[in-house]
Amino acid sequence: MTPSQWPTLQIPGWQETRGTLLMLTQIVGKTRLALAPFQNHWWHVPLYLSSRGLTTSAIPWREHSLEIEFDFIKHQLEVRSSLGQKASLPLVSRPVANFFRDYLALLESFNVHAHFLKRPVEVVESIQFERDFKHGTYDPEWANAHWRVMLRMRNVLERFRGEFIGKASPVHMFWGALDLAVTRFSGRAAPRHPGGVPNCPNYVMEEAYSHEVSSAGFWAGDDSFPEAIVYSYAYPEPEGLASAAVSPKEARYDGKLREFVLPYEKVRLDENPEARILEFLHSTYAAAATLGGWDRSALERAAGSTPPGAAPALHS
């Protein structure tokens, strides 16, 4: 595998590493949740793609800052502070319980005390981190491949985000489901979300979906849906969206997920994966925004209106 390729995530063995990564990113993400000031739609809690892996970015910590980064090249978790402190933990196969113990000790060495729920959310089986001996597989090749997929996907989503002049989220990775997302807003309030996500209070989804959205991104799947996908959905879902015509031809509406999906394993082999993904993002957003009655002329950047001197949004 070379860095220029879109790696596969379909070979047996990946799901075990994915399960462990979900737990590790929840632990680190919950640290940011505990320390960072609240932002609307929970935008203070996701992780971000970096040139080496996933990072919290600089978290406010007293009068200083703290950054925690998964390095998927050297395969270690690095913790750095604005005071010059630096420490790391190896990312290797071992029980989540052992990682969690060492992680808390590492934070203690920085005199950081983060109070958070010490079990995962948005999962059916929520095992206390300190008792989790079920998840412990860490294959460095799979971890690196997943990061490289997300990195390339981030570049496409950044281009898509730049075409919208209304309110839009950053391109960020929500650790509740290990999904990369970017969200566009119509500007109108939405009906209260019904909730119902496993091991997640309803108020979390009520805040996340307080306003009308069209959201898209990349998700590597889980035990109940093992297929990696590019996805797109709307909340509230306008009438007729499920039967709307979208492209490319590999795209479909999944009734269980209630969203459009584009199988990653099919699109990665395309002659131009970036173009196919953008085609999917454009067509599914257009269907949601049109059926939802969004004021598209006020929310979308006109073709060719990028300011002079702006760098190209996506490099092939």
Protein backbone atom coordinates (compact mmCIF):
# COMPACT_ATOMS: atom_id res chain seq x y z
CA MET A 1 0.00 0.00 0.00
CA THR A 2 1.29 3.45 -0.92
CA PRO A 3 0.09 6.72 0.65
CA SER A 4 -1.53 7.74 -2.66
CA GLN A 5 -3.94 4.81 -2.65
CA TRP A 6 -7.33 4.53 -0.98
CA PRO A 7 -6.76 1.50 1.30
CA THR A 8 -9.28 -1.28 1.72
CA LEU A 9 -11.11 -1.68 5.04
CA GLN A 10 -12.85 -4.92 4.16
CA ILE A 11 -10.29 -7.65 4.92
CA PRO A 12 -11.06 -9.70 8.07
CA GLY A 13 -9.17 -8.37 11.06
CA TRP A 14 -9.99 -4.71 10.68
CA GLN A 15 -13.17 -4.86 12.77
CA GLU A 16 -11.25 -5.99 15.87
CA THR A 17 -8.87 -3.04 15.61
CA ARG A 18 -11.80 -0.74 14.89
CA GLY A 19 -13.50 -1.84 18.11
CA THR A 20 -10.40 -1.00 20.12
CA LEU A 21 -9.92 2.37 18.37
CA LEU A 22 -13.52 3.27 19.21
CA MET A 23 -12.83 2.74 22.91
CA LEU A 24 -9.49 4.60 22.87
CA THR A 25 -10.88 7.60 21.02
CA GLN A 26 -13.84 7.72 23.41
CA ILE A 27 -11.46 7.91 26.35
CA VAL A 28 -9.48 10.77 24.83
CA GLY A 29 -12.60 12.48 23.47
CA LYS A 30 -14.22 12.41 26.89
CA THR A 31 -11.17 14.19 28.25
CA ARG A 32 -11.78 17.05 25.82
CA LEU A 33 -15.48 16.99 26.73
CA ALA A 34 -14.56 17.38 30.40
CA LEU A 35 -12.10 20.24 29.95
CA ALA A 36 -13.25 22.32 26.96
CA PRO A 37 -15.92 25.05 27.18
CA PHE A 38 -19.29 24.03 25.77
CA GLN A 39 -20.07 24.85 22.14
CA ASN A 40 -23.36 24.46 20.30
CA HIS A 41 -24.13 21.04 18.81
CA TRP A 42 -21.30 19.56 20.96
CA TRP A 43 -18.65 21.00 18.65
CA HIS A 44 -16.24 21.17 21.59
CA VAL A 45 -15.91 17.38 21.82
CA PRO A 46 -14.84 15.90 18.42
CA LEU A 47 -11.33 15.01 17.33
CA TYR A 48 -9.66 16.37 14.19
CA LEU A 49 -7.48 14.85 11.48
CA SER A 50 -3.82 15.81 11.78
CA SER A 51 -0.73 15.12 9.68
CA ARG A 52 0.01 12.15 11.95
CA GLY A 53 -3.36 10.92 13.18
CA LEU A 54 -6.16 12.36 15.31
CA THR A 55 -5.85 15.28 17.69
CA THR A 56 -7.95 17.06 20.29
CA SER A 57 -6.34 20.35 19.19
CA ALA A 58 -5.36 22.70 22.04
CA ILE A 59 -7.72 22.15 24.98
CA PRO A 60 -8.01 25.02 27.50
CA TRP A 61 -6.46 23.82 30.77
CA ARG A 62 -6.41 26.35 33.60
CA GLU A 63 -4.41 29.25 32.13
CA HIS A 64 -2.53 26.87 29.82
CA SER A 65 -3.46 24.35 27.11
CA LEU A 66 -3.23 20.60 26.63
CA GLU A 67 -3.18 18.63 23.38
CA ILE A 68 -3.64 14.88 23.00
CA GLU A 69 -2.82 13.24 19.68
CA PHE A 70 -3.05 9.72 18.30
CA ASP A 71 0.05 9.25 16.15
CA PHE A 72 -0.80 6.52 13.64
CA ILE A 73 2.66 6.66 12.07
CA LYS A 74 4.75 6.03 15.20
CA HIS A 75 1.74 4.38 16.87
CA GLN A 76 1.74 6.19 20.14
CA LEU A 77 -0.56 8.53 22.04
CA GLU A 78 1.18 11.83 22.74
CA VAL A 79 0.17 14.32 25.41
CA ARG A 80 1.68 17.81 25.23
CA SER A 81 1.13 20.97 27.23
CA SER A 82 1.90 24.63 26.57
CA LEU A 83 4.25 24.44 29.58
CA GLY A 84 6.57 22.23 27.56
CA GLN A 85 5.59 18.91 29.15
CA LYS A 86 5.43 15.91 26.85
CA ALA A 87 4.68 12.24 27.44
CA SER A 88 3.41 9.29 25.43
CA LEU A 89 1.83 5.86 25.62
CA PRO A 90 2.46 3.11 23.05
CA LEU A 91 -0.46 2.08 20.85
CA VAL A 92 -0.20 -1.70 20.93
CA SER A 93 -2.45 -4.70 21.41
CA ARG A 94 -3.46 -4.77 25.08
CA PRO A 95 -6.75 -4.57 26.99
CA VAL A 96 -8.51 -1.22 27.08
CA ALA A 97 -8.50 -1.55 30.88
CA ASN A 98 -4.69 -1.46 30.93
CA PHE A 99 -4.54 1.48 28.52
CA PHE A 100 -7.09 3.38 30.63
CA ARG A 101 -5.11 2.82 33.83
CA ASP A 102 -1.90 4.11 32.24
CA TYR A 103 -3.71 7.00 30.57
CA LEU A 104 -5.15 8.29 33.84
CA ALA A 105 -1.70 8.03 35.42
CA LEU A 106 -0.24 10.01 32.53
CA LEU A 107 -2.85 12.76 32.97
CA GLU A 108 -2.07 12.78 36.69
CA SER A 109 1.59 13.42 35.88
CA PHE A 110 0.42 16.59 34.09
CA ASN A 111 -1.70 17.48 37.13
CA VAL A 112 -4.80 17.16 34.95
CA HIS A 113 -7.95 15.85 36.57
CA ALA A 114 -10.70 15.25 34.01
CA HIS A 115 -14.03 14.08 35.41
CA PHE A 116 -16.09 12.17 32.85
CA LEU A 117 -18.33 9.12 32.47
CA LYS A 118 -15.87 6.24 32.49
CA ARG A 119 -17.69 3.99 30.06
CA PRO A 120 -18.44 4.33 26.32
CA VAL A 121 -21.56 5.91 24.85
CA GLU A 122 -23.53 5.21 21.67
CA VAL A 123 -22.77 1.48 21.91
CA VAL A 124 -25.08 -1.38 22.84
CA GLU A 125 -22.61 -3.00 25.24
CA SER A 126 -21.14 -0.29 27.46
CA ILE A 127 -18.30 -1.79 29.52
CA GLN A 128 -16.56 0.34 32.14
CA PHE A 129 -13.17 1.26 30.69
CA GLU A 130 -11.35 -0.01 33.77
CA ARG A 131 -13.04 -3.41 33.31
CA ASP A 132 -12.81 -3.68 29.54
CA PHE A 133 -10.73 -6.75 28.74
CA LYS A 134 -12.85 -7.50 25.66
CA HIS A 135 -11.30 -4.87 23.40
CA GLY A 136 -7.55 -4.99 23.00
CA THR A 137 -6.59 -5.67 19.38
CA TYR A 138 -4.43 -2.98 17.81
CA ASP A 139 -3.01 -3.75 14.38
CA PRO A 140 -0.78 -0.81 13.34
CA GLU A 141 -1.36 -1.42 9.62
CA TRP A 142 -5.13 -1.27 10.03
CA ALA A 143 -4.97 1.79 12.29
CA ASN A 144 -2.77 3.56 9.75
CA ALA A 145 -5.00 2.53 6.83
CA HIS A 146 -8.14 3.82 8.56
CA TRP A 147 -6.44 7.12 9.30
CA ARG A 148 -5.30 7.49 5.68
CA VAL A 149 -8.83 6.86 4.43
CA MET A 150 -10.18 9.51 6.81
CA LEU A 151 -7.41 11.94 5.83
CA ARG A 152 -8.24 11.67 2.14
CA MET A 153 -11.94 11.83 2.91
CA ARG A 154 -11.36 14.95 5.01
CA ASN A 155 -9.80 16.67 2.00
CA VAL A 156 -12.92 15.99 -0.08
CA LEU A 157 -15.26 17.10 2.72
CA GLU A 158 -13.28 20.34 3.17
CA ARG A 159 -13.86 21.15 -0.50
CA PHE A 160 -17.56 20.36 -0.13
CA ARG A 161 -17.79 22.52 3.00
CA GLY A 162 -16.19 25.47 1.19
CA GLU A 163 -19.03 25.55 -1.35
CA PHE A 164 -21.52 26.49 1.37
CA ILE A 165 -21.75 30.02 2.81
CA GLY A 166 -24.42 29.28 5.39
CA LYS A 167 -23.66 27.93 8.85
CA ALA A 168 -21.56 24.76 8.60
CA SER A 169 -19.64 22.64 11.06
CA PRO A 170 -15.91 21.98 10.87
CA VAL A 171 -14.91 18.65 9.35
CA HIS A 172 -14.51 16.65 12.54
CA MET A 173 -14.49 13.10 13.89
CA PHE A 174 -17.17 12.22 16.43
CA TRP A 175 -15.80 9.53 18.71
CA GLY A 176 -19.24 8.26 19.74
CA ALA A 177 -19.36 6.25 16.51
CA LEU A 178 -15.90 6.93 15.02
CA ASP A 179 -17.41 8.83 12.10
CA LEU A 180 -16.01 11.77 10.15
CA ALA A 181 -18.66 14.40 9.50
CA VAL A 182 -19.45 17.82 8.09
CA THR A 183 -22.87 19.39 8.61
CA ARG A 184 -24.74 22.13 6.75
CA PHE A 185 -27.58 24.09 8.38
CA SER A 186 -30.67 25.65 6.79
CA GLY A 187 -30.89 28.29 9.52
CA ARG A 188 -34.26 27.07 10.81
CA ALA A 189 -35.02 25.36 14.10
CA ALA A 190 -35.81 21.62 13.96
CA PRO A 191 -38.38 19.57 15.87
CA ARG A 192 -37.03 17.97 19.03
CA HIS A 193 -34.98 14.90 18.21
CA PRO A 194 -36.56 11.69 19.59
CA GLY A 195 -33.22 10.35 20.87
CA GLY A 196 -33.07 6.62 21.40
CA VAL A 197 -29.34 6.17 20.73
CA PRO A 198 -27.96 3.31 22.90
CA ASN A 199 -26.31 4.44 26.14
CA CYS A 200 -26.67 8.10 25.20
CA PRO A 201 -28.99 10.57 26.98
CA ASN A 202 -31.68 12.07 24.75
CA TYR A 203 -30.48 15.61 25.53
CA VAL A 204 -27.28 14.89 23.59
CA MET A 205 -29.18 14.34 20.34
CA GLU A 206 -31.61 17.16 21.11
CA GLU A 207 -28.71 19.60 21.25
CA ALA A 208 -26.92 18.08 18.24
CA TYR A 209 -30.05 18.34 16.08
CA SER A 210 -31.61 21.52 17.46
CA HIS A 211 -31.65 22.99 13.93
CA GLU A 212 -32.31 21.59 10.46
CA VAL A 213 -29.29 19.88 8.97
CA SER A 214 -27.93 18.06 5.98
CA SER A 215 -24.98 16.04 7.20
CA ALA A 216 -22.47 13.86 5.39
CA GLY A 217 -19.24 12.03 6.05
CA PHE A 218 -17.45 8.72 6.33
CA TRP A 219 -18.09 5.82 8.68
CA ALA A 220 -16.16 2.56 8.87
CA GLY A 221 -19.18 0.63 10.18
CA ASP A 222 -19.69 -1.52 13.28
CA ASP A 223 -20.62 -5.07 14.23
CA SER A 224 -24.21 -4.64 13.02
CA PHE A 225 -23.23 -2.80 9.83
CA PRO A 226 -19.72 -3.96 8.84
CA GLU A 227 -19.61 -2.07 5.53
CA ALA A 228 -17.50 1.12 5.36
CA ILE A 229 -19.53 3.90 3.74
CA VAL A 230 -19.70 7.49 2.66
CA TYR A 231 -23.06 8.66 4.06
CA SER A 232 -25.51 11.54 3.81
CA TYR A 233 -28.74 12.26 5.70
CA ALA A 234 -31.06 15.08 6.70
CA TYR A 235 -32.82 15.94 9.95
CA PRO A 236 -35.70 16.31 9.89
CA GLU A 237 -35.96 14.03 6.88
CA PRO A 238 -38.16 15.75 4.29
CA GLU A 239 -40.98 13.79 2.72
CA GLY A 240 -39.88 11.90 -0.36
CA LEU A 241 -36.15 11.93 0.43
CA ALA A 242 -35.84 8.14 0.63
CA SER A 243 -37.04 7.77 -2.96
CA ALA A 244 -35.11 10.73 -4.38
CA ALA A 245 -32.81 10.07 -7.35
CA VAL A 246 -29.15 10.46 -6.34
CA SER A 247 -25.83 9.56 -7.91
CA PRO A 248 -23.49 7.84 -8.61
CA LYS A 249 -25.26 4.61 -9.47
CA GLU A 250 -23.70 2.75 -6.53
CA ALA A 251 -25.48 5.04 -4.04
CA ARG A 252 -28.60 3.81 -2.27
CA TYR A 253 -30.93 4.75 0.57
CA ASP A 254 -30.57 2.45 3.59
CA GLY A 255 -33.83 2.15 5.50
CA LYS A 256 -32.15 0.85 8.66
CA LEU A 257 -29.68 3.73 8.89
CA ARG A 258 -32.19 6.21 7.38
CA GLU A 259 -29.51 7.75 5.20
CA PHE A 260 -27.99 7.55 1.75
CA VAL A 261 -24.90 5.37 1.58
CA LEU A 262 -22.12 4.97 -0.95
CA PRO A 263 -20.11 1.77 -0.32
CA TYR A 264 -16.51 2.74 0.26
CA GLU A 265 -15.13 -0.50 -1.18
CA LYS A 266 -16.76 0.28 -4.52
CA VAL A 267 -15.87 3.95 -4.74
CA ARG A 268 -12.23 3.51 -3.68
CA LEU A 269 -11.59 1.44 -6.82
CA ASP A 270 -13.05 4.08 -9.11
CA GLU A 271 -10.76 5.84 -11.56
CA ASN A 272 -11.43 9.08 -9.67
CA PRO A 273 -12.75 8.39 -6.13
CA GLU A 274 -12.75 12.09 -5.19
CA ALA A 275 -15.04 12.97 -8.09
CA ARG A 276 -17.45 10.13 -7.28
CA ILE A 277 -17.60 11.13 -3.61
CA LEU A 278 -18.27 14.77 -4.51
CA GLU A 279 -20.97 13.64 -6.92
CA PHE A 280 -22.61 11.74 -4.07
CA LEU A 281 -22.30 14.67 -1.64
CA HIS A 282 -23.73 17.14 -4.15
CA SER A 283 -26.67 15.00 -5.24
CA THR A 284 -27.76 13.92 -1.76
CA TYR A 285 -27.48 17.45 -0.36
CA ALA A 286 -29.43 18.84 -3.33
CA ALA A 287 -32.20 16.31 -2.76
CA ALA A 288 -32.43 17.12 0.96
CA ALA A 289 -32.23 20.89 0.54
CA THR A 290 -34.70 21.04 -2.34
CA LEU A 291 -37.28 18.74 -0.72
CA GLY A 292 -36.76 20.52 2.59
CA GLY A 293 -37.40 23.93 1.11
CA TRP A 294 -34.01 25.44 1.97
CA ASP A 295 -33.16 28.90 0.61
CA ARG A 296 -30.40 27.50 -1.54
CA SER A 297 -29.59 30.73 -3.38
CA ALA A 298 -28.74 32.39 -0.07
CA LEU A 299 -26.81 29.45 1.37
CA GLU A 300 -24.64 28.20 -1.48
CA ARG A 301 -21.58 29.82 -3.03
CA ALA A 302 -22.12 30.64 -6.68
CA ALA A 303 -19.89 28.78 -9.12
CA GLY A 304 -16.71 30.72 -9.81
CA SER A 305 -17.19 33.06 -6.83
CA THR A 306 -14.11 31.93 -4.90
CA PRO A 307 -11.97 35.02 -4.08
CA PRO A 308 -8.98 35.59 -6.39
CA GLY A 309 -5.77 34.09 -5.08
CA ALA A 310 -7.49 31.32 -3.11
CA ALA A 311 -5.65 28.02 -3.22
CA PRO A 312 -7.26 25.11 -5.08
CA ALA A 313 -9.57 23.29 -2.70
CA LEU A 314 -8.55 19.77 -3.67
CA HIS A 315 -5.41 18.38 -5.24
CA SER A 316 -5.51 15.17 -7.28
